[in-house]
Amino acid sequence: MLRLLFGALVLLLNLADNATTYFCLVEPIPGFLVVEANPVARWVFDSMGLLEGLVFEMSVTTFTVGFIVWTSLLSPRLRLVILLILIALPGIAVWNNMRVIEALGIMPSFGI
């Protein structure tokens, strides 16, 4: 049950990371050079496009989380450690992206 909870948290934080990354990178901001910090993700975005790259990354993450949650090839303790790492990484990315969004004043309006 804990693995399912952690897996869901990984996916939610990854979704938040993707949304905040999209807001930061979707349009050029005059006077600023905003780029993806992760070189692998930057390569994926350059190769596929931002939206397609985010969908691809979310698909890979979802598959990976499913494997980790349900595999019997890894010990339960190792699976929890991996999930905790996968929680921390997008959590840090969301925190950083929110700092960038605030600093640049690009808070999305969602059409409101």
PDB file of N, CA and C in Angstrom:
ATOM      1  N   MET A   1       0.818  -1.197   0.000  1.00  0.00           N
ATOM      2  CA  MET A   1       0.000   0.000   0.000  1.00  0.00           C
ATOM      3  C   MET A   1       0.862   1.260   0.000  1.00  0.00           C
ATOM      4  N   LEU A   2       1.953   1.246   0.761  1.00  0.00           N
ATOM      5  CA  LEU A   2       2.855   2.387   0.806  1.00  0.00           C
ATOM      6  C   LEU A   2       3.487   2.635  -0.563  1.00  0.00           C
ATOM      7  N   ARG A   3       3.826   1.548  -1.267  1.00  0.00           N
ATOM      8  CA  ARG A   3       4.395   1.696  -2.612  1.00  0.00           C
ATOM      9  C   ARG A   3       3.404   2.373  -3.550  1.00  0.00           C
ATOM     10  N   LEU A   4       2.123   2.029  -3.455  1.00  0.00           N
ATOM     11  CA  LEU A   4       1.116   2.667  -4.304  1.00  0.00           C
ATOM     12  C   LEU A   4       0.992   4.155  -3.982  1.00  0.00           C
ATOM     13  N   LEU A   5       1.008   4.487  -2.702  1.00  0.00           N
ATOM     14  CA  LEU A   5       0.938   5.886  -2.298  1.00  0.00           C
ATOM     15  C   LEU A   5       2.144   6.663  -2.807  1.00  0.00           C
ATOM     16  N   PHE A   6       3.332   6.098  -2.615  1.00  0.00           N
ATOM     17  CA  PHE A   6       4.548   6.752  -3.097  1.00  0.00           C
ATOM     18  C   PHE A   6       4.539   6.853  -4.619  1.00  0.00           C
ATOM     19  N   GLY A   7       4.084   5.806  -5.289  1.00  0.00           N
ATOM     20  CA  GLY A   7       4.002   5.839  -6.750  1.00  0.00           C
ATOM     21  C   GLY A   7       3.066   6.934  -7.228  1.00  0.00           C
ATOM     22  N   ALA A   8       1.927   7.079  -6.579  1.00  0.00           N
ATOM     23  CA  ALA A   8       0.984   8.141  -6.942  1.00  0.00           C
ATOM     24  C   ALA A   8       1.601   9.509  -6.691  1.00  0.00           C
ATOM     25  N   LEU A   9       2.344   9.654  -5.615  1.00  0.00           N
ATOM     26  CA  LEU A   9       2.996  10.923  -5.311  1.00  0.00           C
ATOM     27  C   LEU A   9       4.064  11.254  -6.353  1.00  0.00           C
ATOM     28  N   VAL A  10       4.801  10.239  -6.795  1.00  0.00           N
ATOM     29  CA  VAL A  10       5.786  10.450  -7.868  1.00  0.00           C
ATOM     30  C   VAL A  10       5.086  10.997  -9.104  1.00  0.00           C
ATOM     31  N   LEU A  11       3.977  10.374  -9.488  1.00  0.00           N
ATOM     32  CA  LEU A  11       3.267  10.800 -10.699  1.00  0.00           C
ATOM     33  C   LEU A  11       2.679  12.203 -10.545  1.00  0.00           C
ATOM     34  N   LEU A  12       2.143  12.531  -9.396  1.00  0.00           N
ATOM     35  CA  LEU A  12       1.586  13.869  -9.174  1.00  0.00           C
ATOM     36  C   LEU A  12       2.678  14.940  -9.212  1.00  0.00           C
ATOM     37  N   LEU A  13       3.799  14.667  -8.559  1.00  0.00           N
ATOM     38  CA  LEU A  13       4.895  15.637  -8.571  1.00  0.00           C
ATOM     39  C   LEU A  13       5.501  15.763  -9.969  1.00  0.00           C
ATOM     40  N   ASN A  14       5.556  14.657 -10.694  1.00  0.00           N
ATOM     41  CA  ASN A  14       6.065  14.707 -12.059  1.00  0.00           C
ATOM     42  C   ASN A  14       5.128  15.523 -12.953  1.00  0.00           C
ATOM     43  N   LEU A  15       3.833  15.370 -12.751  1.00  0.00           N
ATOM     44  CA  LEU A  15       2.856  16.167 -13.492  1.00  0.00           C
ATOM     45  C   LEU A  15       3.023  17.651 -13.159  1.00  0.00           C
ATOM     46  N   ALA A  16       3.218  17.966 -11.884  1.00  0.00           N
ATOM     47  CA  ALA A  16       3.451  19.359 -11.476  1.00  0.00           C
ATOM     48  C   ALA A  16       4.752  19.888 -12.081  1.00  0.00           C
ATOM     49  N   ASP A  17       5.783  19.051 -12.117  1.00  0.00           N
ATOM     50  CA  ASP A  17       7.047  19.448 -12.743  1.00  0.00           C
ATOM     51  C   ASP A  17       6.836  19.736 -14.221  1.00  0.00           C
ATOM     52  N   ASN A  18       6.116  18.868 -14.906  1.00  0.00           N
ATOM     53  CA  ASN A  18       5.875  19.066 -16.333  1.00  0.00           C
ATOM     54  C   ASN A  18       5.058  20.334 -16.588  1.00  0.00           C
ATOM     55  N   ALA A  19       4.044  20.584 -15.762  1.00  0.00           N
ATOM     56  CA  ALA A  19       3.222  21.784 -15.942  1.00  0.00           C
ATOM     57  C   ALA A  19       4.046  23.049 -15.711  1.00  0.00           C
ATOM     58  N   THR A  20       4.838  23.080 -14.646  1.00  0.00           N
ATOM     59  CA  THR A  20       5.636  24.277 -14.369  1.00  0.00           C
ATOM     60  C   THR A  20       6.759  24.435 -15.398  1.00  0.00           C
ATOM     61  N   THR A  21       7.317  23.328 -15.868  1.00  0.00           N
ATOM     62  CA  THR A  21       8.322  23.400 -16.933  1.00  0.00           C
ATOM     63  C   THR A  21       7.702  23.986 -18.193  1.00  0.00           C
ATOM     64  N   TYR A  22       6.509  23.543 -18.524  1.00  0.00           N
ATOM     65  CA  TYR A  22       5.813  24.060 -19.704  1.00  0.00           C
ATOM     66  C   TYR A  22       5.618  25.570 -19.589  1.00  0.00           C
ATOM     67  N   PHE A  23       5.140  26.044 -18.432  1.00  0.00           N
ATOM     68  CA  PHE A  23       4.921  27.481 -18.252  1.00  0.00           C
ATOM     69  C   PHE A  23       6.213  28.274 -18.401  1.00  0.00           C
ATOM     70  N   CYS A  24       7.325  27.682 -17.959  1.00  0.00           N
ATOM     71  CA  CYS A  24       8.617  28.376 -18.042  1.00  0.00           C
ATOM     72  C   CYS A  24       9.165  28.407 -19.467  1.00  0.00           C
ATOM     73  N   LEU A  25       8.887  27.379 -20.257  1.00  0.00           N
ATOM     74  CA  LEU A  25       9.556  27.230 -21.546  1.00  0.00           C
ATOM     75  C   LEU A  25       8.678  27.459 -22.770  1.00  0.00           C
ATOM     76  N   VAL A  26       7.368  27.582 -22.599  1.00  0.00           N
ATOM     77  CA  VAL A  26       6.475  27.597 -23.756  1.00  0.00           C
ATOM     78  C   VAL A  26       6.665  28.834 -24.628  1.00  0.00           C
ATOM     79  N   GLU A  27       6.964  29.974 -24.046  1.00  0.00           N
ATOM     80  CA  GLU A  27       7.144  31.194 -24.824  1.00  0.00           C
ATOM     81  C   GLU A  27       8.417  31.898 -24.397  1.00  0.00           C
ATOM     82  N   PRO A  28       9.119  32.505 -25.342  1.00  0.00           N
ATOM     83  CA  PRO A  28      10.298  33.289 -24.972  1.00  0.00           C
ATOM     84  C   PRO A  28       9.881  34.470 -24.094  1.00  0.00           C
ATOM     85  N   ILE A  29      10.732  34.826 -23.176  1.00  0.00           N
ATOM     86  CA  ILE A  29      10.471  35.947 -22.283  1.00  0.00           C
ATOM     87  C   ILE A  29      11.495  37.024 -22.594  1.00  0.00           C
ATOM     88  N   PRO A  30      11.044  38.189 -23.071  1.00  0.00           N
ATOM     89  CA  PRO A  30      11.981  39.249 -23.458  1.00  0.00           C
ATOM     90  C   PRO A  30      12.955  39.572 -22.322  1.00  0.00           C
ATOM     91  N   GLY A  31      14.236  39.567 -22.663  1.00  0.00           N
ATOM     92  CA  GLY A  31      15.271  39.911 -21.698  1.00  0.00           C
ATOM     93  C   GLY A  31      15.789  38.741 -20.883  1.00  0.00           C
ATOM     94  N   PHE A  32      15.224  37.546 -21.084  1.00  0.00           N
ATOM     95  CA  PHE A  32      15.642  36.387 -20.311  1.00  0.00           C
ATOM     96  C   PHE A  32      15.907  35.200 -21.239  1.00  0.00           C
ATOM     97  N   LEU A  33      16.886  34.402 -20.876  1.00  0.00           N
ATOM     98  CA  LEU A  33      17.126  33.138 -21.552  1.00  0.00           C
ATOM     99  C   LEU A  33      16.755  32.035 -20.571  1.00  0.00           C
ATOM    100  N   VAL A  34      15.602  31.436 -20.765  1.00  0.00           N
ATOM    101  CA  VAL A  34      15.111  30.380 -19.879  1.00  0.00           C
ATOM    102  C   VAL A  34      15.275  29.063 -20.620  1.00  0.00           C
ATOM    103  N   VAL A  35      16.053  28.151 -20.043  1.00  0.00           N
ATOM    104  CA  VAL A  35      16.300  26.855 -20.667  1.00  0.00           C
ATOM    105  C   VAL A  35      16.070  25.741 -19.658  1.00  0.00           C
ATOM    106  N   GLU A  36      15.824  24.558 -20.158  1.00  0.00           N
ATOM    107  CA  GLU A  36      15.709  23.366 -19.319  1.00  0.00           C
ATOM    108  C   GLU A  36      17.077  23.050 -18.736  1.00  0.00           C
ATOM    109  N   ALA A  37      17.143  22.876 -17.418  1.00  0.00           N
ATOM    110  CA  ALA A  37      18.417  22.617 -16.742  1.00  0.00           C
ATOM    111  C   ALA A  37      18.919  21.193 -16.963  1.00  0.00           C
ATOM    112  N   ASN A  38      18.005  20.241 -17.105  1.00  0.00           N
ATOM    113  CA  ASN A  38      18.379  18.841 -17.294  1.00  0.00           C
ATOM    114  C   ASN A  38      18.790  18.644 -18.754  1.00  0.00           C
ATOM    115  N   PRO A  39      20.065  18.297 -19.011  1.00  0.00           N
ATOM    116  CA  PRO A  39      20.512  18.176 -20.401  1.00  0.00           C
ATOM    117  C   PRO A  39      19.795  17.077 -21.186  1.00  0.00           C
ATOM    118  N   VAL A  40      19.407  16.001 -20.533  1.00  0.00           N
ATOM    119  CA  VAL A  40      18.682  14.929 -21.231  1.00  0.00           C
ATOM    120  C   VAL A  40      17.293  15.423 -21.625  1.00  0.00           C
ATOM    121  N   ALA A  41      16.601  16.062 -20.687  1.00  0.00           N
ATOM    122  CA  ALA A  41      15.278  16.605 -20.997  1.00  0.00           C
ATOM    123  C   ALA A  41      15.380  17.684 -22.070  1.00  0.00           C
ATOM    124  N   ARG A  42      16.411  18.525 -22.002  1.00  0.00           N
ATOM    125  CA  ARG A  42      16.603  19.566 -23.014  1.00  0.00           C
ATOM    126  C   ARG A  42      16.763  18.937 -24.396  1.00  0.00           C
ATOM    127  N   TRP A  43      17.540  17.855 -24.468  1.00  0.00           N
ATOM    128  CA  TRP A  43      17.730  17.161 -25.745  1.00  0.00           C
ATOM    129  C   TRP A  43      16.401  16.592 -26.255  1.00  0.00           C
ATOM    130  N   VAL A  44      15.619  15.988 -25.348  1.00  0.00           N
ATOM    131  CA  VAL A  44      14.316  15.436 -25.734  1.00  0.00           C
ATOM    132  C   VAL A  44      13.409  16.551 -26.248  1.00  0.00           C
ATOM    133  N   PHE A  45      13.362  17.685 -25.543  1.00  0.00           N
ATOM    134  CA  PHE A  45      12.514  18.803 -25.972  1.00  0.00           C
ATOM    135  C   PHE A  45      12.974  19.357 -27.315  1.00  0.00           C
ATOM    136  N   ASP A  46      14.290  19.462 -27.498  1.00  0.00           N
ATOM    137  CA  ASP A  46      14.816  19.955 -28.776  1.00  0.00           C
ATOM    138  C   ASP A  46      14.511  18.979 -29.907  1.00  0.00           C
ATOM    139  N   SER A  47      14.536  17.689 -29.593  1.00  0.00           N
ATOM    140  CA  SER A  47      14.312  16.668 -30.617  1.00  0.00           C
ATOM    141  C   SER A  47      12.841  16.485 -30.972  1.00  0.00           C
ATOM    142  N   MET A  48      11.973  16.514 -29.961  1.00  0.00           N
ATOM    143  CA  MET A  48      10.560  16.183 -30.169  1.00  0.00           C
ATOM    144  C   MET A  48       9.632  17.385 -30.133  1.00  0.00           C
ATOM    145  N   GLY A  49      10.066  18.443 -29.527  1.00  0.00           N
ATOM    146  CA  GLY A  49       9.178  19.564 -29.226  1.00  0.00           C
ATOM    147  C   GLY A  49       8.841  19.524 -27.745  1.00  0.00           C
ATOM    148  N   LEU A  50       8.503  20.674 -27.189  1.00  0.00           N
ATOM    149  CA  LEU A  50       8.268  20.768 -25.740  1.00  0.00           C
ATOM    150  C   LEU A  50       7.097  19.906 -25.299  1.00  0.00           C
ATOM    151  N   LEU A  51       5.934  20.098 -25.872  1.00  0.00           N
ATOM    152  CA  LEU A  51       4.755  19.361 -25.428  1.00  0.00           C
ATOM    153  C   LEU A  51       4.917  17.861 -25.663  1.00  0.00           C
ATOM    154  N   GLU A  52       5.403  17.487 -26.827  1.00  0.00           N
ATOM    155  CA  GLU A  52       5.605  16.066 -27.127  1.00  0.00           C
ATOM    156  C   GLU A  52       6.642  15.450 -26.195  1.00  0.00           C
ATOM    157  N   GLY A  53       7.696  16.213 -25.898  1.00  0.00           N
ATOM    158  CA  GLY A  53       8.730  15.737 -24.980  1.00  0.00           C
ATOM    159  C   GLY A  53       8.202  15.541 -23.575  1.00  0.00           C
ATOM    160  N   LEU A  54       7.339  16.453 -23.130  1.00  0.00           N
ATOM    161  CA  LEU A  54       6.742  16.305 -21.793  1.00  0.00           C
ATOM    162  C   LEU A  54       5.822  15.094 -21.728  1.00  0.00           C
ATOM    163  N   VAL A  55       5.057  14.857 -22.798  1.00  0.00           N
ATOM    164  CA  VAL A  55       4.183  13.674 -22.841  1.00  0.00           C
ATOM    165  C   VAL A  55       5.034  12.398 -22.851  1.00  0.00           C
ATOM    166  N   PHE A  56       6.102  12.398 -23.631  1.00  0.00           N
ATOM    167  CA  PHE A  56       7.009  11.251 -23.671  1.00  0.00           C
ATOM    168  C   PHE A  56       7.607  10.995 -22.292  1.00  0.00           C
ATOM    169  N   GLU A  57       8.093  12.048 -21.660  1.00  0.00           N
ATOM    170  CA  GLU A  57       8.713  11.907 -20.328  1.00  0.00           C
ATOM    171  C   GLU A  57       7.704  11.391 -19.315  1.00  0.00           C
ATOM    172  N   MET A  58       6.466  11.881 -19.370  1.00  0.00           N
ATOM    173  CA  MET A  58       5.437  11.413 -18.444  1.00  0.00           C
ATOM    174  C   MET A  58       5.115   9.944 -18.698  1.00  0.00           C
ATOM    175  N   SER A  59       5.118   9.532 -19.951  1.00  0.00           N
ATOM    176  CA  SER A  59       4.865   8.128 -20.288  1.00  0.00           C
ATOM    177  C   SER A  59       5.973   7.230 -19.743  1.00  0.00           C
ATOM    178  N   VAL A  60       7.212   7.642 -19.923  1.00  0.00           N
ATOM    179  CA  VAL A  60       8.348   6.861 -19.411  1.00  0.00           C
ATOM    180  C   VAL A  60       8.286   6.791 -17.888  1.00  0.00           C
ATOM    181  N   THR A  61       7.975   7.907 -17.259  1.00  0.00           N
ATOM    182  CA  THR A  61       7.881   7.932 -15.791  1.00  0.00           C
ATOM    183  C   THR A  61       6.761   7.021 -15.302  1.00  0.00           C
ATOM    184  N   THR A  62       5.609   7.076 -15.963  1.00  0.00           N
ATOM    185  CA  THR A  62       4.482   6.230 -15.559  1.00  0.00           C
ATOM    186  C   THR A  62       4.840   4.753 -15.683  1.00  0.00           C
ATOM    187  N   PHE A  63       5.460   4.371 -16.793  1.00  0.00           N
ATOM    188  CA  PHE A  63       5.891   2.987 -16.967  1.00  0.00           C
ATOM    189  C   PHE A  63       6.893   2.594 -15.881  1.00  0.00           C
ATOM    190  N   THR A  64       7.865   3.460 -15.623  1.00  0.00           N
ATOM    191  CA  THR A  64       8.892   3.178 -14.622  1.00  0.00           C
ATOM    192  C   THR A  64       8.291   3.003 -13.235  1.00  0.00           C
ATOM    193  N   VAL A  65       7.381   3.896 -12.861  1.00  0.00           N
ATOM    194  CA  VAL A  65       6.739   3.802 -11.546  1.00  0.00           C
ATOM    195  C   VAL A  65       5.929   2.512 -11.452  1.00  0.00           C
ATOM    196  N   GLY A  66       5.195   2.187 -12.502  1.00  0.00           N
ATOM    197  CA  GLY A  66       4.437   0.930 -12.495  1.00  0.00           C
ATOM    198  C   GLY A  66       5.341  -0.268 -12.308  1.00  0.00           C
ATOM    199  N   PHE A  67       6.470  -0.279 -13.005  1.00  0.00           N
ATOM    200  CA  PHE A  67       7.422  -1.384 -12.866  1.00  0.00           C
ATOM    201  C   PHE A  67       7.939  -1.464 -11.438  1.00  0.00           C
ATOM    202  N   ILE A  68       8.339  -0.334 -10.887  1.00  0.00           N
ATOM    203  CA  ILE A  68       8.907  -0.326  -9.532  1.00  0.00           C
ATOM    204  C   ILE A  68       7.872  -0.761  -8.504  1.00  0.00           C
ATOM    205  N   VAL A  69       6.643  -0.285  -8.653  1.00  0.00           N
ATOM    206  CA  VAL A  69       5.598  -0.620  -7.677  1.00  0.00           C
ATOM    207  C   VAL A  69       5.262  -2.105  -7.720  1.00  0.00           C
ATOM    208  N   TRP A  70       5.200  -2.697  -8.921  1.00  0.00           N
ATOM    209  CA  TRP A  70       4.701  -4.072  -9.020  1.00  0.00           C
ATOM    210  C   TRP A  70       5.748  -5.152  -9.272  1.00  0.00           C
ATOM    211  N   THR A  71       6.997  -4.797  -9.472  1.00  0.00           N
ATOM    212  CA  THR A  71       7.988  -5.836  -9.756  1.00  0.00           C
ATOM    213  C   THR A  71       8.345  -6.633  -8.510  1.00  0.00           C
ATOM    214  N   SER A  72       8.707  -7.872  -8.726  1.00  0.00           N
ATOM    215  CA  SER A  72       9.246  -8.691  -7.633  1.00  0.00           C
ATOM    216  C   SER A  72      10.749  -8.902  -7.828  1.00  0.00           C
ATOM    217  N   LEU A  73      11.314  -8.231  -8.827  1.00  0.00           N
ATOM    218  CA  LEU A  73      12.746  -8.360  -9.102  1.00  0.00           C
ATOM    219  C   LEU A  73      13.602  -7.541  -8.134  1.00  0.00           C
ATOM    220  N   LEU A  74      12.992  -6.564  -7.475  1.00  0.00           N
ATOM    221  CA  LEU A  74      13.707  -5.719  -6.514  1.00  0.00           C
ATOM    222  C   LEU A  74      13.128  -5.945  -5.125  1.00  0.00           C
ATOM    223  N   SER A  75      13.965  -5.777  -4.121  1.00  0.00           N
ATOM    224  CA  SER A  75      13.483  -5.948  -2.751  1.00  0.00           C
ATOM    225  C   SER A  75      12.506  -4.824  -2.406  1.00  0.00           C
ATOM    226  N   PRO A  76      11.583  -5.081  -1.491  1.00  0.00           N
ATOM    227  CA  PRO A  76      10.633  -4.035  -1.094  1.00  0.00           C
ATOM    228  C   PRO A  76      11.335  -2.763  -0.587  1.00  0.00           C
ATOM    229  N   ARG A  77      12.399  -2.930   0.157  1.00  0.00           N
ATOM    230  CA  ARG A  77      13.124  -1.773   0.680  1.00  0.00           C
ATOM    231  C   ARG A  77      13.744  -0.954  -0.450  1.00  0.00           C
ATOM    232  N   LEU A  78      14.352  -1.624  -1.433  1.00  0.00           N
ATOM    233  CA  LEU A  78      14.956  -0.922  -2.559  1.00  0.00           C
ATOM    234  C   LEU A  78      13.891  -0.189  -3.381  1.00  0.00           C
ATOM    235  N   ARG A  79      12.739  -0.816  -3.541  1.00  0.00           N
ATOM    236  CA  ARG A  79      11.664  -0.153  -4.281  1.00  0.00           C
ATOM    237  C   ARG A  79      11.226   1.134  -3.583  1.00  0.00           C
ATOM    238  N   LEU A  80      11.113   1.100  -2.252  1.00  0.00           N
ATOM    239  CA  LEU A  80      10.737   2.307  -1.515  1.00  0.00           C
ATOM    240  C   LEU A  80      11.807   3.388  -1.631  1.00  0.00           C
ATOM    241  N   VAL A  81      13.070   2.991  -1.567  1.00  0.00           N
ATOM    242  CA  VAL A  81      14.162   3.965  -1.699  1.00  0.00           C
ATOM    243  C   VAL A  81      14.117   4.618  -3.082  1.00  0.00           C
ATOM    244  N   ILE A  82      13.935   3.815  -4.116  1.00  0.00           N
ATOM    245  CA  ILE A  82      13.856   4.366  -5.475  1.00  0.00           C
ATOM    246  C   ILE A  82      12.669   5.316  -5.587  1.00  0.00           C
ATOM    247  N   LEU A  83      11.521   4.939  -5.045  1.00  0.00           N
ATOM    248  CA  LEU A  83      10.348   5.808  -5.103  1.00  0.00           C
ATOM    249  C   LEU A  83      10.585   7.106  -4.336  1.00  0.00           C
ATOM    250  N   LEU A  84      11.266   7.033  -3.198  1.00  0.00           N
ATOM    251  CA  LEU A  84      11.579   8.257  -2.446  1.00  0.00           C
ATOM    252  C   LEU A  84      12.483   9.186  -3.259  1.00  0.00           C
ATOM    253  N   ILE A  85      13.435   8.606  -3.964  1.00  0.00           N
ATOM    254  CA  ILE A  85      14.298   9.418  -4.834  1.00  0.00           C
ATOM    255  C   ILE A  85      13.471  10.034  -5.952  1.00  0.00           C
ATOM    256  N   LEU A  86      12.557   9.232  -6.523  1.00  0.00           N
ATOM    257  CA  LEU A  86      11.703   9.734  -7.604  1.00  0.00           C
ATOM    258  C   LEU A  86      10.681  10.753  -7.106  1.00  0.00           C
ATOM    259  N   ILE A  87      10.419  10.796  -5.819  1.00  0.00           N
ATOM    260  CA  ILE A  87       9.586  11.843  -5.230  1.00  0.00           C
ATOM    261  C   ILE A  87      10.415  13.119  -5.058  1.00  0.00           C
ATOM    262  N   ALA A  88      11.642  12.957  -4.579  1.00  0.00           N
ATOM    263  CA  ALA A  88      12.494  14.121  -4.295  1.00  0.00           C
ATOM    264  C   ALA A  88      12.862  14.884  -5.562  1.00  0.00           C
ATOM    265  N   LEU A  89      13.216  14.186  -6.628  1.00  0.00           N
ATOM    266  CA  LEU A  89      13.697  14.866  -7.838  1.00  0.00           C
ATOM    267  C   LEU A  89      12.665  15.813  -8.453  1.00  0.00           C
ATOM    268  N   PRO A  90      11.449  15.367  -8.744  1.00  0.00           N
ATOM    269  CA  PRO A  90      10.491  16.335  -9.291  1.00  0.00           C
ATOM    270  C   PRO A  90      10.036  17.353  -8.245  1.00  0.00           C
ATOM    271  N   GLY A  91      10.082  16.977  -6.975  1.00  0.00           N
ATOM    272  CA  GLY A  91       9.746  17.938  -5.925  1.00  0.00           C
ATOM    273  C   GLY A  91      10.697  19.124  -5.942  1.00  0.00           C
ATOM    274  N   ILE A  92      11.979  18.834  -6.084  1.00  0.00           N
ATOM    275  CA  ILE A  92      12.988  19.896  -6.183  1.00  0.00           C
ATOM    276  C   ILE A  92      12.784  20.700  -7.461  1.00  0.00           C
ATOM    277  N   ALA A  93      12.484  20.017  -8.562  1.00  0.00           N
ATOM    278  CA  ALA A  93      12.271  20.697  -9.846  1.00  0.00           C
ATOM    279  C   ALA A  93      11.064  21.636  -9.767  1.00  0.00           C
ATOM    280  N   VAL A  94       9.974  21.198  -9.142  1.00  0.00           N
ATOM    281  CA  VAL A  94       8.788  22.052  -9.006  1.00  0.00           C
ATOM    282  C   VAL A  94       9.129  23.281  -8.172  1.00  0.00           C
ATOM    283  N   TRP A  95       9.837  23.078  -7.083  1.00  0.00           N
ATOM    284  CA  TRP A  95      10.240  24.196  -6.224  1.00  0.00           C
ATOM    285  C   TRP A  95      11.065  25.200  -7.034  1.00  0.00           C
ATOM    286  N   ASN A  96      12.026  24.697  -7.799  1.00  0.00           N
ATOM    287  CA  ASN A  96      12.854  25.581  -8.616  1.00  0.00           C
ATOM    288  C   ASN A  96      12.025  26.273  -9.698  1.00  0.00           C
ATOM    289  N   ASN A  97      11.171  25.532 -10.375  1.00  0.00           N
ATOM    290  CA  ASN A  97      10.337  26.120 -11.425  1.00  0.00           C
ATOM    291  C   ASN A  97       9.426  27.210 -10.862  1.00  0.00           C
ATOM    292  N   MET A  98       8.873  26.991  -9.687  1.00  0.00           N
ATOM    293  CA  MET A  98       8.011  28.004  -9.074  1.00  0.00           C
ATOM    294  C   MET A  98       8.807  29.260  -8.735  1.00  0.00           C
ATOM    295  N   ARG A  99      10.048  29.105  -8.318  1.00  0.00           N
ATOM    296  CA  ARG A  99      10.905  30.269  -8.072  1.00  0.00           C
ATOM    297  C   ARG A  99      11.133  31.042  -9.365  1.00  0.00           C
ATOM    298  N   VAL A 100      11.369  30.323 -10.474  1.00  0.00           N
ATOM    299  CA  VAL A 100      11.574  30.967 -11.779  1.00  0.00           C
ATOM    300  C   VAL A 100      10.292  31.669 -12.219  1.00  0.00           C
ATOM    301  N   ILE A 101       9.158  31.000 -12.098  1.00  0.00           N
ATOM    302  CA  ILE A 101       7.872  31.586 -12.480  1.00  0.00           C
ATOM    303  C   ILE A 101       7.618  32.870 -11.701  1.00  0.00           C
ATOM    304  N   GLU A 102       7.878  32.825 -10.405  1.00  0.00           N
ATOM    305  CA  GLU A 102       7.677  34.018  -9.577  1.00  0.00           C
ATOM    306  C   GLU A 102       8.649  35.135  -9.968  1.00  0.00           C
ATOM    307  N   ALA A 103       9.916  34.788 -10.157  1.00  0.00           N
ATOM    308  CA  ALA A 103      10.934  35.794 -10.492  1.00  0.00           C
ATOM    309  C   ALA A 103      10.666  36.443 -11.843  1.00  0.00           C
ATOM    310  N   LEU A 104      10.167  35.665 -12.793  1.00  0.00           N
ATOM    311  CA  LEU A 104       9.901  36.192 -14.123  1.00  0.00           C
ATOM    312  C   LEU A 104       8.509  36.818 -14.249  1.00  0.00           C
ATOM    313  N   GLY A 105       7.673  36.609 -13.256  1.00  0.00           N
ATOM    314  CA  GLY A 105       6.318  37.152 -13.305  1.00  0.00           C
ATOM    315  C   GLY A 105       5.464  36.543 -14.396  1.00  0.00           C
ATOM    316  N   ILE A 106       5.585  35.236 -14.598  1.00  0.00           N
ATOM    317  CA  ILE A 106       4.849  34.572 -15.686  1.00  0.00           C
ATOM    318  C   ILE A 106       3.782  33.627 -15.158  1.00  0.00           C
ATOM    319  N   MET A 107       3.180  33.978 -14.047  1.00  0.00           N
ATOM    320  CA  MET A 107       2.142  33.108 -13.478  1.00  0.00           C
ATOM    321  C   MET A 107       1.037  32.911 -14.507  1.00  0.00           C
ATOM    322  N   PRO A 108       0.682  31.662 -14.796  1.00  0.00           N
ATOM    323  CA  PRO A 108      -0.367  31.414 -15.795  1.00  0.00           C
ATOM    324  C   PRO A 108      -1.722  31.905 -15.329  1.00  0.00           C
ATOM    325  N   SER A 109      -2.537  32.374 -16.262  1.00  0.00           N
ATOM    326  CA  SER A 109      -3.857  32.901 -15.911  1.00  0.00           C
ATOM    327  C   SER A 109      -4.955  31.856 -16.098  1.00  0.00           C
ATOM    328  N   PHE A 110      -4.681  30.794 -16.834  1.00  0.00           N
ATOM    329  CA  PHE A 110      -5.652  29.736 -17.119  1.00  0.00           C
ATOM    330  C   PHE A 110      -6.920  30.299 -17.774  1.00  0.00           C
ATOM    331  N   GLY A 111      -6.753  31.375 -18.537  1.00  0.00           N
ATOM    332  CA  GLY A 111      -7.878  31.948 -19.276  1.00  0.00           C
ATOM    333  C   GLY A 111      -8.875  32.680 -18.415  1.00  0.00           C
ATOM    334  N   ILE A 112      -8.515  32.958 -17.173  1.00  0.00           N
ATOM    335  CA  ILE A 112      -9.459  33.624 -16.264  1.00  0.00           C
ATOM    336  C   ILE A 112      -9.222  35.112 -16.294  1.00  0.00           C
TER     337      ILE A 112
END
